[in-house]
Full PDB file with SEQRES, HELIX, SHEET, SSBOND, CRYST1, ORIGX, SCALE, CONECT and MASTER records, all heavy atoms in Angstrom:
SEQRES   1 A   42  LYS ILE HIS LEU PHE PHE PHE ILE LEU LEU PHE GLY VAL          
SEQRES   2 A   42  THR ILE LEU PRO ALA ARG LYS LYS PHE PRO GLN TYR GLY          
SEQRES   3 A   42  SER VAL ASP MET ARG ARG GLU CYS VAL LYS GLY ASN GLY          
SEQRES   4 A   42  ARG CYS LYS                                                  
HELIX    1 AA1 ILE A    2  LYS A   21  1                                  20    
HELIX    2 AA2 MET A   30  LYS A   36  1                                   7    
CRYST1    1.000    1.000    1.000  90.00  90.00  90.00 P 1           1          
ORIGX1      1.000000  0.000000  0.000000        0.00000                         
ORIGX2      0.000000  1.000000  0.000000        0.00000                         
ORIGX3      0.000000  0.000000  1.000000        0.00000                         
SCALE1      1.000000  0.000000  0.000000        0.00000                         
SCALE2      0.000000  1.000000  0.000000        0.00000                         
SCALE3      0.000000  0.000000  1.000000        0.00000                         
ATOM      1  N   LYS A   1      19.941  48.162 -60.254  1.00  0.00           N  
ATOM      2  CA  LYS A   1      21.306  48.548 -60.598  1.00  0.00           C  
ATOM      3  C   LYS A   1      22.203  48.552 -59.367  1.00  0.00           C  
ATOM      4  O   LYS A   1      23.390  48.240 -59.463  1.00  0.00           O  
ATOM      5  CB  LYS A   1      21.314  49.917 -61.256  1.00  0.00           C  
ATOM      6  CG  LYS A   1      20.697  49.933 -62.625  1.00  0.00           C  
ATOM      7  CD  LYS A   1      20.746  51.322 -63.213  1.00  0.00           C  
ATOM      8  CE  LYS A   1      20.067  51.333 -64.559  1.00  0.00           C  
ATOM      9  NZ  LYS A   1      20.055  52.676 -65.149  1.00  0.00           N  
ATOM     10  N   ILE A   2      21.646  48.889 -58.221  1.00  0.00           N  
ATOM     11  CA  ILE A   2      22.438  48.919 -56.992  1.00  0.00           C  
ATOM     12  C   ILE A   2      22.847  47.500 -56.598  1.00  0.00           C  
ATOM     13  O   ILE A   2      23.962  47.286 -56.115  1.00  0.00           O  
ATOM     14  CB  ILE A   2      21.673  49.636 -55.855  1.00  0.00           C  
ATOM     15  CG1 ILE A   2      22.608  49.946 -54.690  1.00  0.00           C  
ATOM     16  CG2 ILE A   2      20.511  48.826 -55.365  1.00  0.00           C  
ATOM     17  CD1 ILE A   2      23.493  51.105 -54.915  1.00  0.00           C  
ATOM     18  N   HIS A   3      21.970  46.499 -56.856  1.00  0.00           N  
ATOM     19  CA  HIS A   3      22.325  45.115 -56.575  1.00  0.00           C  
ATOM     20  C   HIS A   3      23.468  44.652 -57.475  1.00  0.00           C  
ATOM     21  O   HIS A   3      24.393  43.972 -57.023  1.00  0.00           O  
ATOM     22  CB  HIS A   3      21.110  44.198 -56.759  1.00  0.00           C  
ATOM     23  CG  HIS A   3      20.081  44.379 -55.714  1.00  0.00           C  
ATOM     24  ND1 HIS A   3      18.890  44.994 -55.970  1.00  0.00           N  
ATOM     25  CD2 HIS A   3      20.067  44.047 -54.404  1.00  0.00           C  
ATOM     26  CE1 HIS A   3      18.171  45.026 -54.871  1.00  0.00           C  
ATOM     27  NE2 HIS A   3      18.874  44.454 -53.887  1.00  0.00           N  
ATOM     28  N   LEU A   4      23.406  44.998 -58.728  1.00  0.00           N  
ATOM     29  CA  LEU A   4      24.470  44.654 -59.661  1.00  0.00           C  
ATOM     30  C   LEU A   4      25.784  45.316 -59.253  1.00  0.00           C  
ATOM     31  O   LEU A   4      26.845  44.685 -59.286  1.00  0.00           O  
ATOM     32  CB  LEU A   4      24.075  45.071 -61.081  1.00  0.00           C  
ATOM     33  CG  LEU A   4      25.092  44.750 -62.168  1.00  0.00           C  
ATOM     34  CD1 LEU A   4      25.301  43.250 -62.269  1.00  0.00           C  
ATOM     35  CD2 LEU A   4      24.620  45.318 -63.493  1.00  0.00           C  
ATOM     36  N   PHE A   5      25.715  46.554 -58.843  1.00  0.00           N  
ATOM     37  CA  PHE A   5      26.907  47.265 -58.394  1.00  0.00           C  
ATOM     38  C   PHE A   5      27.548  46.564 -57.198  1.00  0.00           C  
ATOM     39  O   PHE A   5      28.753  46.337 -57.159  1.00  0.00           O  
ATOM     40  CB  PHE A   5      26.552  48.713 -58.034  1.00  0.00           C  
ATOM     41  CG  PHE A   5      27.673  49.449 -57.377  1.00  0.00           C  
ATOM     42  CD1 PHE A   5      28.756  49.881 -58.123  1.00  0.00           C  
ATOM     43  CD2 PHE A   5      27.647  49.695 -56.012  1.00  0.00           C  
ATOM     44  CE1 PHE A   5      29.801  50.558 -57.517  1.00  0.00           C  
ATOM     45  CE2 PHE A   5      28.682  50.372 -55.402  1.00  0.00           C  
ATOM     46  CZ  PHE A   5      29.771  50.803 -56.159  1.00  0.00           C  
ATOM     47  N   PHE A   6      26.734  46.184 -56.201  1.00  0.00           N  
ATOM     48  CA  PHE A   6      27.282  45.511 -55.026  1.00  0.00           C  
ATOM     49  C   PHE A   6      27.800  44.117 -55.349  1.00  0.00           C  
ATOM     50  O   PHE A   6      28.786  43.666 -54.779  1.00  0.00           O  
ATOM     51  CB  PHE A   6      26.248  45.456 -53.904  1.00  0.00           C  
ATOM     52  CG  PHE A   6      26.118  46.752 -53.165  1.00  0.00           C  
ATOM     53  CD1 PHE A   6      24.914  47.425 -53.116  1.00  0.00           C  
ATOM     54  CD2 PHE A   6      27.218  47.315 -52.527  1.00  0.00           C  
ATOM     55  CE1 PHE A   6      24.793  48.620 -52.440  1.00  0.00           C  
ATOM     56  CE2 PHE A   6      27.109  48.510 -51.854  1.00  0.00           C  
ATOM     57  CZ  PHE A   6      25.897  49.173 -51.812  1.00  0.00           C  
ATOM     58  N   PHE A   7      27.169  43.425 -56.288  1.00  0.00           N  
ATOM     59  CA  PHE A   7      27.657  42.107 -56.694  1.00  0.00           C  
ATOM     60  C   PHE A   7      29.023  42.219 -57.347  1.00  0.00           C  
ATOM     61  O   PHE A   7      29.937  41.452 -57.037  1.00  0.00           O  
ATOM     62  CB  PHE A   7      26.657  41.440 -57.645  1.00  0.00           C  
ATOM     63  CG  PHE A   7      27.159  40.146 -58.187  1.00  0.00           C  
ATOM     64  CD1 PHE A   7      27.179  39.019 -57.386  1.00  0.00           C  
ATOM     65  CD2 PHE A   7      27.625  40.052 -59.483  1.00  0.00           C  
ATOM     66  CE1 PHE A   7      27.648  37.807 -57.872  1.00  0.00           C  
ATOM     67  CE2 PHE A   7      28.100  38.858 -59.976  1.00  0.00           C  
ATOM     68  CZ  PHE A   7      28.103  37.736 -59.168  1.00  0.00           C  
ATOM     69  N   ILE A   8      29.182  43.172 -58.250  1.00  0.00           N  
ATOM     70  CA  ILE A   8      30.473  43.381 -58.914  1.00  0.00           C  
ATOM     71  C   ILE A   8      31.528  43.813 -57.897  1.00  0.00           C  
ATOM     72  O   ILE A   8      32.669  43.347 -57.931  1.00  0.00           O  
ATOM     73  CB  ILE A   8      30.325  44.400 -60.057  1.00  0.00           C  
ATOM     74  CG1 ILE A   8      29.453  43.806 -61.166  1.00  0.00           C  
ATOM     75  CG2 ILE A   8      31.680  44.819 -60.592  1.00  0.00           C  
ATOM     76  CD1 ILE A   8      29.062  44.780 -62.237  1.00  0.00           C  
ATOM     77  N   LEU A   9      31.152  44.659 -56.980  1.00  0.00           N  
ATOM     78  CA  LEU A   9      32.076  45.090 -55.932  1.00  0.00           C  
ATOM     79  C   LEU A   9      32.494  43.914 -55.056  1.00  0.00           C  
ATOM     80  O   LEU A   9      33.681  43.737 -54.756  1.00  0.00           O  
ATOM     81  CB  LEU A   9      31.421  46.183 -55.087  1.00  0.00           C  
ATOM     82  CG  LEU A   9      32.286  46.772 -53.973  1.00  0.00           C  
ATOM     83  CD1 LEU A   9      33.458  47.526 -54.585  1.00  0.00           C  
ATOM     84  CD2 LEU A   9      31.452  47.684 -53.101  1.00  0.00           C  
ATOM     85  N   LEU A  10      31.539  43.085 -54.658  1.00  0.00           N  
ATOM     86  CA  LEU A  10      31.847  41.918 -53.839  1.00  0.00           C  
ATOM     87  C   LEU A  10      32.737  40.939 -54.589  1.00  0.00           C  
ATOM     88  O   LEU A  10      33.690  40.394 -54.035  1.00  0.00           O  
ATOM     89  CB  LEU A  10      30.549  41.221 -53.414  1.00  0.00           C  
ATOM     90  CG  LEU A  10      30.710  39.984 -52.539  1.00  0.00           C  
ATOM     91  CD1 LEU A  10      31.237  40.387 -51.167  1.00  0.00           C  
ATOM     92  CD2 LEU A  10      29.390  39.254 -52.408  1.00  0.00           C  
ATOM     93  N   PHE A  11      32.458  40.714 -55.851  1.00  0.00           N  
ATOM     94  CA  PHE A  11      33.277  39.822 -56.672  1.00  0.00           C  
ATOM     95  C   PHE A  11      34.699  40.357 -56.785  1.00  0.00           C  
ATOM     96  O   PHE A  11      35.665  39.617 -56.658  1.00  0.00           O  
ATOM     97  CB  PHE A  11      32.647  39.679 -58.063  1.00  0.00           C  
ATOM     98  CG  PHE A  11      33.395  38.742 -58.957  1.00  0.00           C  
ATOM     99  CD1 PHE A  11      33.248  37.380 -58.805  1.00  0.00           C  
ATOM    100  CD2 PHE A  11      34.232  39.223 -59.944  1.00  0.00           C  
ATOM    101  CE1 PHE A  11      33.921  36.500 -59.626  1.00  0.00           C  
ATOM    102  CE2 PHE A  11      34.914  38.368 -60.766  1.00  0.00           C  
ATOM    103  CZ  PHE A  11      34.760  37.001 -60.615  1.00  0.00           C  
ATOM    104  N   GLY A  12      34.826  41.633 -57.024  1.00  0.00           N  
ATOM    105  CA  GLY A  12      36.150  42.247 -57.164  1.00  0.00           C  
ATOM    106  C   GLY A  12      36.945  42.256 -55.878  1.00  0.00           C  
ATOM    107  O   GLY A  12      38.177  42.206 -55.896  1.00  0.00           O  
ATOM    108  N   VAL A  13      36.271  42.303 -54.746  1.00  0.00           N  
ATOM    109  CA  VAL A  13      36.969  42.361 -53.460  1.00  0.00           C  
ATOM    110  C   VAL A  13      37.334  40.962 -52.955  1.00  0.00           C  
ATOM    111  O   VAL A  13      38.355  40.797 -52.300  1.00  0.00           O  
ATOM    112  CB  VAL A  13      36.084  43.101 -52.426  1.00  0.00           C  
ATOM    113  CG1 VAL A  13      36.635  42.980 -51.027  1.00  0.00           C  
ATOM    114  CG2 VAL A  13      35.955  44.561 -52.805  1.00  0.00           C  
ATOM    115  N   THR A  14      36.541  39.937 -53.268  1.00  0.00           N  
ATOM    116  CA  THR A  14      36.784  38.608 -52.702  1.00  0.00           C  
ATOM    117  C   THR A  14      37.445  37.636 -53.674  1.00  0.00           C  
ATOM    118  O   THR A  14      38.480  37.058 -53.376  1.00  0.00           O  
ATOM    119  CB  THR A  14      35.468  37.995 -52.197  1.00  0.00           C  
ATOM    120  OG1 THR A  14      34.546  37.935 -53.286  1.00  0.00           O  
ATOM    121  CG2 THR A  14      34.894  38.795 -51.067  1.00  0.00           C  
ATOM    122  N   ILE A  15      36.890  37.430 -54.824  1.00  0.00           N  
ATOM    123  CA  ILE A  15      37.335  36.377 -55.736  1.00  0.00           C  
ATOM    124  C   ILE A  15      38.628  36.747 -56.460  1.00  0.00           C  
ATOM    125  O   ILE A  15      39.567  35.950 -56.496  1.00  0.00           O  
ATOM    126  CB  ILE A  15      36.240  36.055 -56.774  1.00  0.00           C  
ATOM    127  CG1 ILE A  15      34.931  35.686 -56.084  1.00  0.00           C  
ATOM    128  CG2 ILE A  15      36.695  34.969 -57.723  1.00  0.00           C  
ATOM    129  CD1 ILE A  15      35.002  34.433 -55.242  1.00  0.00           C  
ATOM    130  N   LEU A  16      38.691  37.916 -57.018  1.00  0.00           N  
ATOM    131  CA  LEU A  16      39.865  38.279 -57.816  1.00  0.00           C  
ATOM    132  C   LEU A  16      41.160  38.333 -57.010  1.00  0.00           C  
ATOM    133  O   LEU A  16      42.176  37.812 -57.463  1.00  0.00           O  
ATOM    134  CB  LEU A  16      39.608  39.598 -58.551  1.00  0.00           C  
ATOM    135  CG  LEU A  16      38.496  39.532 -59.603  1.00  0.00           C  
ATOM    136  CD1 LEU A  16      38.294  40.904 -60.219  1.00  0.00           C  
ATOM    137  CD2 LEU A  16      38.816  38.510 -60.663  1.00  0.00           C  
ATOM    138  N   PRO A  17      41.200  38.910 -55.806  1.00  0.00           N  
ATOM    139  CA  PRO A  17      42.450  38.876 -55.048  1.00  0.00           C  
ATOM    140  C   PRO A  17      42.864  37.457 -54.644  1.00  0.00           C  
ATOM    141  O   PRO A  17      44.043  37.140 -54.619  1.00  0.00           O  
ATOM    142  CB  PRO A  17      42.154  39.711 -53.813  1.00  0.00           C  
ATOM    143  CG  PRO A  17      41.034  40.589 -54.195  1.00  0.00           C  
ATOM    144  CD  PRO A  17      40.228  39.797 -55.166  1.00  0.00           C  
ATOM    145  N   ALA A  18      41.900  36.597 -54.345  1.00  0.00           N  
ATOM    146  CA  ALA A  18      42.237  35.219 -53.986  1.00  0.00           C  
ATOM    147  C   ALA A  18      42.824  34.484 -55.175  1.00  0.00           C  
ATOM    148  O   ALA A  18      43.751  33.688 -55.034  1.00  0.00           O  
ATOM    149  CB  ALA A  18      40.994  34.498 -53.480  1.00  0.00           C  
ATOM    150  N   ARG A  19      42.335  34.768 -56.356  1.00  0.00           N  
ATOM    151  CA  ARG A  19      42.859  34.122 -57.550  1.00  0.00           C  
ATOM    152  C   ARG A  19      44.288  34.576 -57.834  1.00  0.00           C  
ATOM    153  O   ARG A  19      45.121  33.787 -58.257  1.00  0.00           O  
ATOM    154  CB  ARG A  19      41.961  34.450 -58.723  1.00  0.00           C  
ATOM    155  CG  ARG A  19      42.347  33.748 -59.995  1.00  0.00           C  
ATOM    156  CD  ARG A  19      41.623  34.366 -61.149  1.00  0.00           C  
ATOM    157  NE  ARG A  19      40.699  33.450 -61.747  1.00  0.00           N  
ATOM    158  CZ  ARG A  19      39.821  33.793 -62.642  1.00  0.00           C  
ATOM    159  NH1 ARG A  19      39.706  35.054 -62.992  1.00  0.00           N  
ATOM    160  NH2 ARG A  19      39.035  32.907 -63.190  1.00  0.00           N  
ATOM    161  N   LYS A  20      44.582  35.831 -57.596  1.00  0.00           N  
ATOM    162  CA  LYS A  20      45.937  36.343 -57.810  1.00  0.00           C  
ATOM    163  C   LYS A  20      46.900  35.848 -56.741  1.00  0.00           C  
ATOM    164  O   LYS A  20      48.065  35.602 -57.014  1.00  0.00           O  
ATOM    165  CB  LYS A  20      45.922  37.866 -57.823  1.00  0.00           C  
ATOM    166  CG  LYS A  20      45.233  38.457 -59.024  1.00  0.00           C  
ATOM    167  CD  LYS A  20      45.178  39.964 -58.929  1.00  0.00           C  
ATOM    168  CE  LYS A  20      44.337  40.535 -60.048  1.00  0.00           C  
ATOM    169  NZ  LYS A  20      44.161  41.983 -59.907  1.00  0.00           N  
ATOM    170  N   LYS A  21      46.411  35.695 -55.528  1.00  0.00           N  
ATOM    171  CA  LYS A  21      47.278  35.303 -54.418  1.00  0.00           C  
ATOM    172  C   LYS A  21      47.589  33.806 -54.434  1.00  0.00           C  
ATOM    173  O   LYS A  21      48.681  33.399 -54.072  1.00  0.00           O  
ATOM    174  CB  LYS A  21      46.608  35.685 -53.096  1.00  0.00           C  
ATOM    175  CG  LYS A  21      47.516  35.568 -51.905  1.00  0.00           C  
ATOM    176  CD  LYS A  21      46.860  36.137 -50.674  1.00  0.00           C  
ATOM    177  CE  LYS A  21      47.784  36.081 -49.486  1.00  0.00           C  
ATOM    178  NZ  LYS A  21      47.148  36.598 -48.278  1.00  0.00           N  
ATOM    179  N   PHE A  22      46.624  32.977 -54.837  1.00  0.00           N  
ATOM    180  CA  PHE A  22      46.799  31.529 -54.850  1.00  0.00           C  
ATOM    181  C   PHE A  22      46.493  30.965 -56.241  1.00  0.00           C  
ATOM    182  O   PHE A  22      45.482  30.311 -56.444  1.00  0.00           O  
ATOM    183  CB  PHE A  22      45.875  30.861 -53.828  1.00  0.00           C  
ATOM    184  CG  PHE A  22      46.078  31.347 -52.431  1.00  0.00           C  
ATOM    185  CD1 PHE A  22      45.151  32.179 -51.830  1.00  0.00           C  
ATOM    186  CD2 PHE A  22      47.195  30.981 -51.716  1.00  0.00           C  
ATOM    187  CE1 PHE A  22      45.329  32.625 -50.542  1.00  0.00           C  
ATOM    188  CE2 PHE A  22      47.390  31.420 -50.425  1.00  0.00           C  
ATOM    189  CZ  PHE A  22      46.460  32.244 -49.830  1.00  0.00           C  
ATOM    190  N   PRO A  23      47.363  31.168 -57.228  1.00  0.00           N  
ATOM    191  CA  PRO A  23      47.062  30.681 -58.584  1.00  0.00           C  
ATOM    192  C   PRO A  23      47.171  29.176 -58.712  1.00  0.00           C  
ATOM    193  O   PRO A  23      46.661  28.590 -59.654  1.00  0.00           O  
ATOM    194  CB  PRO A  23      48.113  31.379 -59.438  1.00  0.00           C  
ATOM    195  CG  PRO A  23      49.245  31.616 -58.511  1.00  0.00           C  
ATOM    196  CD  PRO A  23      48.620  31.881 -57.171  1.00  0.00           C  
ATOM    197  N   GLN A  24      47.841  28.506 -57.774  1.00  0.00           N  
ATOM    198  CA  GLN A  24      48.040  27.071 -57.898  1.00  0.00           C  
ATOM    199  C   GLN A  24      46.767  26.271 -57.641  1.00  0.00           C  
ATOM    200  O   GLN A  24      46.651  25.139 -58.076  1.00  0.00           O  
ATOM    201  CB  GLN A  24      49.152  26.584 -56.974  1.00  0.00           C  
ATOM    202  CG  GLN A  24      48.860  26.717 -55.495  1.00  0.00           C  
ATOM    203  CD  GLN A  24      49.289  28.039 -54.912  1.00  0.00           C  
ATOM    204  OE1 GLN A  24      49.477  29.018 -55.612  1.00  0.00           O  
ATOM    205  NE2 GLN A  24      49.452  28.080 -53.599  1.00  0.00           N  
ATOM    206  N   TYR A  25      45.807  26.840 -56.928  1.00  0.00           N  
ATOM    207  CA  TYR A  25      44.578  26.111 -56.661  1.00  0.00           C  
ATOM    208  C   TYR A  25      43.657  26.165 -57.861  1.00  0.00           C  
ATOM    209  O   TYR A  25      43.413  27.202 -58.428  1.00  0.00           O  
ATOM    210  CB  TYR A  25      43.866  26.683 -55.435  1.00  0.00           C  
ATOM    211  CG  TYR A  25      44.643  26.486 -54.168  1.00  0.00           C  
ATOM    212  CD1 TYR A  25      45.223  27.558 -53.517  1.00  0.00           C  
ATOM    213  CD2 TYR A  25      44.818  25.229 -53.643  1.00  0.00           C  
ATOM    214  CE1 TYR A  25      45.944  27.388 -52.357  1.00  0.00           C  
ATOM    215  CE2 TYR A  25      45.537  25.040 -52.494  1.00  0.00           C  
ATOM    216  CZ  TYR A  25      46.094  26.116 -51.846  1.00  0.00           C  
ATOM    217  OH  TYR A  25      46.810  25.934 -50.716  1.00  0.00           O  
ATOM    218  N   GLY A  26      43.147  25.012 -58.243  1.00  0.00           N  
ATOM    219  CA  GLY A  26      42.234  24.944 -59.367  1.00  0.00           C  
ATOM    220  C   GLY A  26      42.909  24.807 -60.709  1.00  0.00           C  
ATOM    221  O   GLY A  26      42.253  24.639 -61.712  1.00  0.00           O  
ATOM    222  N   SER A  27      44.226  24.822 -60.766  1.00  0.00           N  
ATOM    223  CA  SER A  27      44.917  24.719 -62.040  1.00  0.00           C  
ATOM    224  C   SER A  27      45.797  23.480 -62.117  1.00  0.00           C  
ATOM    225  O   SER A  27      46.660  23.394 -62.958  1.00  0.00           O  
ATOM    226  CB  SER A  27      45.770  25.966 -62.273  1.00  0.00           C  
ATOM    227  OG  SER A  27      46.766  26.058 -61.272  1.00  0.00           O  
ATOM    228  N   VAL A  28      45.589  22.496 -61.244  1.00  0.00           N  
ATOM    229  CA  VAL A  28      46.395  21.289 -61.234  1.00  0.00           C  
ATOM    230  C   VAL A  28      45.762  20.258 -62.156  1.00  0.00           C  
ATOM    231  O   VAL A  28      44.587  19.924 -62.015  1.00  0.00           O  
ATOM    232  CB  VAL A  28      46.514  20.716 -59.802  1.00  0.00           C  
ATOM    233  CG1 VAL A  28      47.289  19.418 -59.811  1.00  0.00           C  
ATOM    234  CG2 VAL A  28      47.180  21.720 -58.897  1.00  0.00           C  
ATOM    235  N   ASP A  29      46.532  19.764 -63.115  1.00  0.00           N  
ATOM    236  CA  ASP A  29      46.071  18.706 -64.012  1.00  0.00           C  
ATOM    237  C   ASP A  29      46.507  17.379 -63.406  1.00  0.00           C  
ATOM    238  O   ASP A  29      47.671  16.995 -63.507  1.00  0.00           O  
ATOM    239  CB  ASP A  29      46.659  18.910 -65.394  1.00  0.00           C  
ATOM    240  CG  ASP A  29      46.108  17.937 -66.409  1.00  0.00           C  
ATOM    241  OD1 ASP A  29      45.190  17.166 -66.060  1.00  0.00           O  
ATOM    242  OD2 ASP A  29      46.590  17.939 -67.549  1.00  0.00           O  
ATOM    243  N   MET A  30      45.584  16.692 -62.750  1.00  0.00           N  
ATOM    244  CA  MET A  30      45.931  15.460 -62.045  1.00  0.00           C  
ATOM    245  C   MET A  30      46.366  14.351 -62.987  1.00  0.00           C  
ATOM    246  O   MET A  30      47.182  13.522 -62.639  1.00  0.00           O  
ATOM    247  CB  MET A  30      44.743  14.991 -61.199  1.00  0.00           C  
ATOM    248  CG  MET A  30      44.434  15.900 -60.041  1.00  0.00           C  
ATOM    249  SD  MET A  30      45.827  16.109 -58.916  1.00  0.00           S  
ATOM    250  CE  MET A  30      45.882  14.512 -58.152  1.00  0.00           C  
ATOM    251  N   ARG A  31      45.847  14.340 -64.204  1.00  0.00           N  
ATOM    252  CA  ARG A  31      46.264  13.308 -65.169  1.00  0.00           C  
ATOM    253  C   ARG A  31      47.729  13.489 -65.545  1.00  0.00           C  
ATOM    254  O   ARG A  31      48.490  12.531 -65.587  1.00  0.00           O  
ATOM    255  CB  ARG A  31      45.379  13.371 -66.398  1.00  0.00           C  
ATOM    256  CG  ARG A  31      45.729  12.328 -67.407  1.00  0.00           C  
ATOM    257  CD  ARG A  31      44.805  12.377 -68.607  1.00  0.00           C  
ATOM    258  NE  ARG A  31      44.828  11.076 -69.217  1.00  0.00           N  
ATOM    259  CZ  ARG A  31      43.808  10.491 -69.741  1.00  0.00           C  
ATOM    260  NH1 ARG A  31      42.649  11.080 -69.743  1.00  0.00           N  
ATOM    261  NH2 ARG A  31      43.917   9.308 -70.283  1.00  0.00           N  
ATOM    262  N   ARG A  32      48.127  14.719 -65.776  1.00  0.00           N  
ATOM    263  CA  ARG A  32      49.523  14.987 -66.130  1.00  0.00           C  
ATOM    264  C   ARG A  32      50.443  14.692 -64.950  1.00  0.00           C  
ATOM    265  O   ARG A  32      51.526  14.133 -65.122  1.00  0.00           O  
ATOM    266  CB  ARG A  32      49.679  16.437 -66.584  1.00  0.00           C  
ATOM    267  CG  ARG A  32      51.076  16.761 -67.031  1.00  0.00           C  
ATOM    268  CD  ARG A  32      51.209  18.127 -67.637  1.00  0.00           C  
ATOM    269  NE  ARG A  32      50.490  19.128 -66.869  1.00  0.00           N  
ATOM    270  CZ  ARG A  32      49.983  20.235 -67.379  1.00  0.00           C  
ATOM    271  NH1 ARG A  32      50.108  20.472 -68.657  1.00  0.00           N  
ATOM    272  NH2 ARG A  32      49.352  21.098 -66.623  1.00  0.00           N  
ATOM    273  N   GLU A  33      50.004  15.029 -63.741  1.00  0.00           N  
ATOM    274  CA  GLU A  33      50.808  14.735 -62.560  1.00  0.00           C  
ATOM    275  C   GLU A  33      50.949  13.225 -62.347  1.00  0.00           C  
ATOM    276  O   GLU A  33      52.001  12.755 -61.923  1.00  0.00           O  
ATOM    277  CB  GLU A  33      50.183  15.373 -61.319  1.00  0.00           C  
ATOM    278  CG  GLU A  33      50.186  16.888 -61.353  1.00  0.00           C  
ATOM    279  CD  GLU A  33      51.582  17.477 -61.324  1.00  0.00           C  
ATOM    280  OE1 GLU A  33      52.463  16.907 -60.655  1.00  0.00           O  
ATOM    281  OE2 GLU A  33      51.791  18.498 -61.989  1.00  0.00           O  
ATOM    282  N   CYS A  34      49.913  12.477 -62.648  1.00  0.00           N  
ATOM    283  CA  CYS A  34      49.969  11.022 -62.513  1.00  0.00           C  
ATOM    284  C   CYS A  34      50.960  10.429 -63.508  1.00  0.00           C  
ATOM    285  O   CYS A  34      51.780   9.591 -63.142  1.00  0.00           O  
ATOM    286  CB  CYS A  34      48.585  10.429 -62.730  1.00  0.00           C  
ATOM    287  SG  CYS A  34      48.517   8.638 -62.588  1.00  0.00           S  
ATOM    288  N   VAL A  35      50.896  10.866 -64.756  1.00  0.00           N  
ATOM    289  CA  VAL A  35      51.807  10.347 -65.780  1.00  0.00           C  
ATOM    290  C   VAL A  35      53.237  10.769 -65.491  1.00  0.00           C  
ATOM    291  O   VAL A  35      54.179   9.998 -65.694  1.00  0.00           O  
ATOM    292  CB  VAL A  35      51.345  10.809 -67.182  1.00  0.00           C  
ATOM    293  CG1 VAL A  35      52.360  10.460 -68.239  1.00  0.00           C  
ATOM    294  CG2 VAL A  35      49.997  10.192 -67.508  1.00  0.00           C  
ATOM    295  N   LYS A  36      53.424  11.981 -64.960  1.00  0.00           N  
ATOM    296  CA  LYS A  36      54.763  12.450 -64.623  1.00  0.00           C  
ATOM    297  C   LYS A  36      55.378  11.609 -63.505  1.00  0.00           C  
ATOM    298  O   LYS A  36      56.583  11.438 -63.449  1.00  0.00           O  
ATOM    299  CB  LYS A  36      54.714  13.923 -64.215  1.00  0.00           C  
ATOM    300  CG  LYS A  36      56.081  14.561 -64.167  1.00  0.00           C  
ATOM    301  CD  LYS A  36      56.139  16.061 -64.027  1.00  0.00           C  
ATOM    302  CE  LYS A  36      55.025  16.813 -63.460  1.00  0.00           C  
ATOM    303  NZ  LYS A  36      55.323  18.236 -63.251  1.00  0.00           N  
ATOM    304  N   GLY A  37      54.554  11.067 -62.631  1.00  0.00           N  
ATOM    305  CA  GLY A  37      55.023  10.210 -61.544  1.00  0.00           C  
ATOM    306  C   GLY A  37      55.050   8.736 -61.925  1.00  0.00           C  
ATOM    307  O   GLY A  37      54.996   7.872 -61.064  1.00  0.00           O  
ATOM    308  N   ASN A  38      55.096   8.429 -63.226  1.00  0.00           N  
ATOM    309  CA  ASN A  38      55.121   7.060 -63.763  1.00  0.00           C  
ATOM    310  C   ASN A  38      53.879   6.268 -63.394  1.00  0.00           C  
ATOM    311  O   ASN A  38      53.938   5.072 -63.138  1.00  0.00           O  
ATOM    312  CB  ASN A  38      56.382   6.305 -63.317  1.00  0.00           C  
ATOM    313  CG  ASN A  38      57.623   6.877 -63.947  1.00  0.00           C  
ATOM    314  OD1 ASN A  38      57.574   7.421 -65.033  1.00  0.00           O  
ATOM    315  ND2 ASN A  38      58.734   6.769 -63.247  1.00  0.00           N  
ATOM    316  N   GLY A  39      52.742   6.922 -63.347  1.00  0.00           N  
ATOM    317  CA  GLY A  39      51.477   6.259 -63.072  1.00  0.00           C  
ATOM    318  C   GLY A  39      50.621   6.194 -64.321  1.00  0.00           C  
ATOM    319  O   GLY A  39      50.957   6.754 -65.362  1.00  0.00           O  
ATOM    320  N   ARG A  40      49.512   5.479 -64.226  1.00  0.00           N  
ATOM    321  CA  ARG A  40      48.560   5.387 -65.321  1.00  0.00           C  
ATOM    322  C   ARG A  40      47.162   5.583 -64.772  1.00  0.00           C  
ATOM    323  O   ARG A  40      46.838   5.086 -63.695  1.00  0.00           O  
ATOM    324  CB  ARG A  40      48.653   4.017 -65.991  1.00  0.00           C  
ATOM    325  CG  ARG A  40      49.974   3.825 -66.704  1.00  0.00           C  
ATOM    326  CD  ARG A  40      50.084   2.465 -67.332  1.00  0.00           C  
ATOM    327  NE  ARG A  40      48.984   2.235 -68.250  1.00  0.00           N  
ATOM    328  CZ  ARG A  40      48.695   1.056 -68.773  1.00  0.00           C  
ATOM    329  NH1 ARG A  40      49.421   0.012 -68.452  1.00  0.00           N  
ATOM    330  NH2 ARG A  40      47.679   0.913 -69.594  1.00  0.00           N  
ATOM    331  N   CYS A  41      46.334   6.282 -65.510  1.00  0.00           N  
ATOM    332  CA  CYS A  41      44.947   6.512 -65.101  1.00  0.00           C  
ATOM    333  C   CYS A  41      44.091   5.349 -65.593  1.00  0.00           C  
ATOM    334  O   CYS A  41      44.030   5.067 -66.786  1.00  0.00           O  
ATOM    335  CB  CYS A  41      44.436   7.817 -65.685  1.00  0.00           C  
ATOM    336  SG  CYS A  41      45.258   9.260 -65.018  1.00  0.00           S  
ATOM    337  N   LYS A  42      43.447   4.671 -64.647  1.00  0.00           N  
ATOM    338  CA  LYS A  42      42.603   3.520 -64.967  1.00  0.00           C  
ATOM    339  C   LYS A  42      41.342   3.576 -64.115  1.00  0.00           C  
ATOM    340  O   LYS A  42      41.263   4.317 -63.158  1.00  0.00           O  
ATOM    341  CB  LYS A  42      43.336   2.215 -64.642  1.00  0.00           C  
ATOM    342  CG  LYS A  42      44.615   1.983 -65.378  1.00  0.00           C  
ATOM    343  CD  LYS A  42      45.154   0.639 -64.937  1.00  0.00           C  
ATOM    344  CE  LYS A  42      46.534   0.382 -65.441  1.00  0.00           C  
ATOM    345  NZ  LYS A  42      47.042  -0.899 -64.938  1.00  0.00           N  
TER     346      LYS A  42                                                      
MASTER        0    0    0    2    0    0    0    6  345    1    0    4          
END                                                                             
């Protein structure tokens, strides 16, 4: 149980704040960006 507690604590301290601070990373749809720039995916 202590390992699970530290894992949840580590996850809450590292991953969640980074996700809130930098939401643009990991959420870019490259296909939509290509079509928006008059490109085609081939």
